[in-house]
């Protein structure tokens, strides 16, 4: 069976390895709608500390899209987004990617 049928991240905003101004949110697009309340998203700052975000929210127009709001402006430096979710097949899938916030 092809990987396209498994729960996986297809893209994100900010995009992996991108350099951006401080984002208001982190948005994740998956290959399928996750099981209800199964997605967790953690934003980690350059010092390795957790950044305050809202709880994950499912996009009502596209159930494959999950986002968290970022509380306040992020300082310049490298950030890591760590996520996990459960797809239709019941398997827990995890991943992470980084992006850089440009100096304002």
C-alpha atoms as a PDB file:
ATOM      1  CA  UNK A   1       0.000   0.000   0.000  1.00  0.00           C
ATOM      2  CA  UNK A   2       1.248   3.456  -0.856  1.00  0.00           C
ATOM      3  CA  UNK A   3       2.273   5.902   1.880  1.00  0.00           C
ATOM      4  CA  UNK A   4      -0.331   8.368   0.595  1.00  0.00           C
ATOM      5  CA  UNK A   5      -2.975   6.316   2.418  1.00  0.00           C
ATOM      6  CA  UNK A   6      -1.190   6.733   5.741  1.00  0.00           C
ATOM      7  CA  UNK A   7      -1.560   9.735   8.012  1.00  0.00           C
ATOM      8  CA  UNK A   8       1.327  12.116   7.281  1.00  0.00           C
ATOM      9  CA  UNK A   9       2.187  15.801   7.116  1.00  0.00           C
ATOM     10  CA  UNK A  10       2.101  17.187   3.563  1.00  0.00           C
ATOM     11  CA  UNK A  11       2.963  20.858   4.181  1.00  0.00           C
ATOM     12  CA  UNK A  12       3.091  23.527   6.840  1.00  0.00           C
ATOM     13  CA  UNK A  13       3.033  27.276   7.372  1.00  0.00           C
ATOM     14  CA  UNK A  14       5.652  28.366   8.177  1.00  0.00           C
ATOM     15  CA  UNK A  15       7.187  25.908   5.733  1.00  0.00           C
ATOM     16  CA  UNK A  16       9.918  23.581   6.924  1.00  0.00           C
ATOM     17  CA  UNK A  17      13.370  25.190   6.726  1.00  0.00           C
ATOM     18  CA  UNK A  18      11.908  28.599   5.808  1.00  0.00           C
ATOM     19  CA  UNK A  19      12.905  32.015   7.169  1.00  0.00           C
ATOM     20  CA  UNK A  20       9.859  34.146   8.037  1.00  0.00           C
ATOM     21  CA  UNK A  21       8.690  37.104  10.125  1.00  0.00           C
ATOM     22  CA  UNK A  22       7.150  36.102  13.454  1.00  0.00           C
ATOM     23  CA  UNK A  23       4.054  34.005  12.559  1.00  0.00           C
ATOM     24  CA  UNK A  24       0.658  34.429  14.237  1.00  0.00           C
ATOM     25  CA  UNK A  25      -0.046  30.725  13.850  1.00  0.00           C
ATOM     26  CA  UNK A  26       1.423  27.386  12.874  1.00  0.00           C
ATOM     27  CA  UNK A  27      -0.740  25.552  10.325  1.00  0.00           C
ATOM     28  CA  UNK A  28      -0.324  21.881   9.371  1.00  0.00           C
ATOM     29  CA  UNK A  29      -1.809  20.063   6.355  1.00  0.00           C
ATOM     30  CA  UNK A  30      -2.195  16.272   6.609  1.00  0.00           C
ATOM     31  CA  UNK A  31      -2.915  13.537   4.056  1.00  0.00           C
ATOM     32  CA  UNK A  32      -6.157  12.674   5.853  1.00  0.00           C
ATOM     33  CA  UNK A  33      -8.339  14.081   8.590  1.00  0.00           C
ATOM     34  CA  UNK A  34      -6.909  13.122  11.991  1.00  0.00           C
ATOM     35  CA  UNK A  35      -8.982  11.343  14.605  1.00  0.00           C
ATOM     36  CA  UNK A  36     -10.865  13.825  16.769  1.00  0.00           C
ATOM     37  CA  UNK A  37      -8.695  15.504  19.428  1.00  0.00           C
ATOM     38  CA  UNK A  38      -5.669  13.376  18.452  1.00  0.00           C
ATOM     39  CA  UNK A  39      -3.331  16.117  17.197  1.00  0.00           C
ATOM     40  CA  UNK A  40      -0.784  17.734  19.508  1.00  0.00           C
ATOM     41  CA  UNK A  41       1.479  20.571  18.356  1.00  0.00           C
ATOM     42  CA  UNK A  42       4.451  21.902  20.333  1.00  0.00           C
ATOM     43  CA  UNK A  43       6.471  24.974  19.358  1.00  0.00           C
ATOM     44  CA  UNK A  44       9.987  25.040  20.815  1.00  0.00           C
ATOM     45  CA  UNK A  45      12.117  28.201  20.900  1.00  0.00           C
ATOM     46  CA  UNK A  46      15.886  28.515  20.242  1.00  0.00           C
ATOM     47  CA  UNK A  47      16.616  27.901  23.970  1.00  0.00           C
ATOM     48  CA  UNK A  48      14.705  24.603  23.848  1.00  0.00           C
ATOM     49  CA  UNK A  49      11.747  25.963  25.819  1.00  0.00           C
ATOM     50  CA  UNK A  50       8.081  25.465  25.001  1.00  0.00           C
ATOM     51  CA  UNK A  51       6.338  28.496  23.461  1.00  0.00           C
ATOM     52  CA  UNK A  52       2.752  29.201  24.556  1.00  0.00           C
ATOM     53  CA  UNK A  53       0.208  28.364  21.846  1.00  0.00           C
ATOM     54  CA  UNK A  54      -3.513  27.757  21.709  1.00  0.00           C
ATOM     55  CA  UNK A  55      -4.922  24.242  21.660  1.00  0.00           C
ATOM     56  CA  UNK A  56      -4.915  22.678  18.167  1.00  0.00           C
ATOM     57  CA  UNK A  57      -7.925  23.722  16.095  1.00  0.00           C
ATOM     58  CA  UNK A  58      -9.365  21.755  13.177  1.00  0.00           C
ATOM     59  CA  UNK A  59     -10.162  23.850  10.090  1.00  0.00           C
ATOM     60  CA  UNK A  60     -13.920  23.492   9.577  1.00  0.00           C
ATOM     61  CA  UNK A  61     -13.574  24.054   5.799  1.00  0.00           C
ATOM     62  CA  UNK A  62     -10.843  21.387   5.422  1.00  0.00           C
ATOM     63  CA  UNK A  63     -10.684  18.719   8.141  1.00  0.00           C
ATOM     64  CA  UNK A  64      -7.143  17.774   7.055  1.00  0.00           C
ATOM     65  CA  UNK A  65      -5.824  21.142   8.330  1.00  0.00           C
ATOM     66  CA  UNK A  66      -4.900  21.809  11.965  1.00  0.00           C
ATOM     67  CA  UNK A  67      -3.548  25.072  13.403  1.00  0.00           C
ATOM     68  CA  UNK A  68      -2.388  26.586  16.674  1.00  0.00           C
ATOM     69  CA  UNK A  69      -2.233  30.306  17.418  1.00  0.00           C
ATOM     70  CA  UNK A  70       1.083  31.679  18.681  1.00  0.00           C
ATOM     71  CA  UNK A  71       0.819  33.808  21.824  1.00  0.00           C
ATOM     72  CA  UNK A  72       2.786  36.981  21.141  1.00  0.00           C
ATOM     73  CA  UNK A  73       5.653  37.774  18.806  1.00  0.00           C
ATOM     74  CA  UNK A  74       8.526  35.304  18.483  1.00  0.00           C
ATOM     75  CA  UNK A  75      12.089  36.531  18.809  1.00  0.00           C
ATOM     76  CA  UNK A  76      14.638  35.971  16.058  1.00  0.00           C
ATOM     77  CA  UNK A  77      16.185  32.509  15.819  1.00  0.00           C
ATOM     78  CA  UNK A  78      15.486  28.881  15.027  1.00  0.00           C
ATOM     79  CA  UNK A  79      12.244  27.218  16.155  1.00  0.00           C
ATOM     80  CA  UNK A  80      11.115  23.607  16.069  1.00  0.00           C
ATOM     81  CA  UNK A  81       7.553  22.409  15.531  1.00  0.00           C
ATOM     82  CA  UNK A  82       6.946  18.963  16.989  1.00  0.00           C
ATOM     83  CA  UNK A  83       3.625  17.300  16.167  1.00  0.00           C
ATOM     84  CA  UNK A  84       1.800  14.019  16.616  1.00  0.00           C
ATOM     85  CA  UNK A  85      -1.558  12.761  15.460  1.00  0.00           C
ATOM     86  CA  UNK A  86      -3.615   9.653  14.874  1.00  0.00           C
ATOM     87  CA  UNK A  87      -4.988   8.814  11.440  1.00  0.00           C
ATOM     88  CA  UNK A  88      -7.913   6.646  10.381  1.00  0.00           C
ATOM     89  CA  UNK A  89      -5.820   3.480  10.747  1.00  0.00           C
ATOM     90  CA  UNK A  90      -5.237   4.191  14.447  1.00  0.00           C
ATOM     91  CA  UNK A  91      -1.466   4.525  14.145  1.00  0.00           C
ATOM     92  CA  UNK A  92       0.218   7.363  16.038  1.00  0.00           C
ATOM     93  CA  UNK A  93       2.431   9.382  13.712  1.00  0.00           C
ATOM     94  CA  UNK A  94       5.001  11.929  14.898  1.00  0.00           C
ATOM     95  CA  UNK A  95       7.230  14.413  13.168  1.00  0.00           C
ATOM     96  CA  UNK A  96       9.061  17.669  13.526  1.00  0.00           C
ATOM     97  CA  UNK A  97      10.482  20.425  11.388  1.00  0.00           C
ATOM     98  CA  UNK A  98      12.267  23.694  11.909  1.00  0.00           C
ATOM     99  CA  UNK A  99      11.923  27.260  10.702  1.00  0.00           C
ATOM    100  CA  UNK A 100      13.749  30.510  11.413  1.00  0.00           C
ATOM    101  CA  UNK A 101      12.213  33.782  12.544  1.00  0.00           C
ATOM    102  CA  UNK A 102      13.963  36.778  10.962  1.00  0.00           C
ATOM    103  CA  UNK A 103      15.023  39.723  13.131  1.00  0.00           C
ATOM    104  CA  UNK A 104      12.226  42.326  13.106  1.00  0.00           C
END
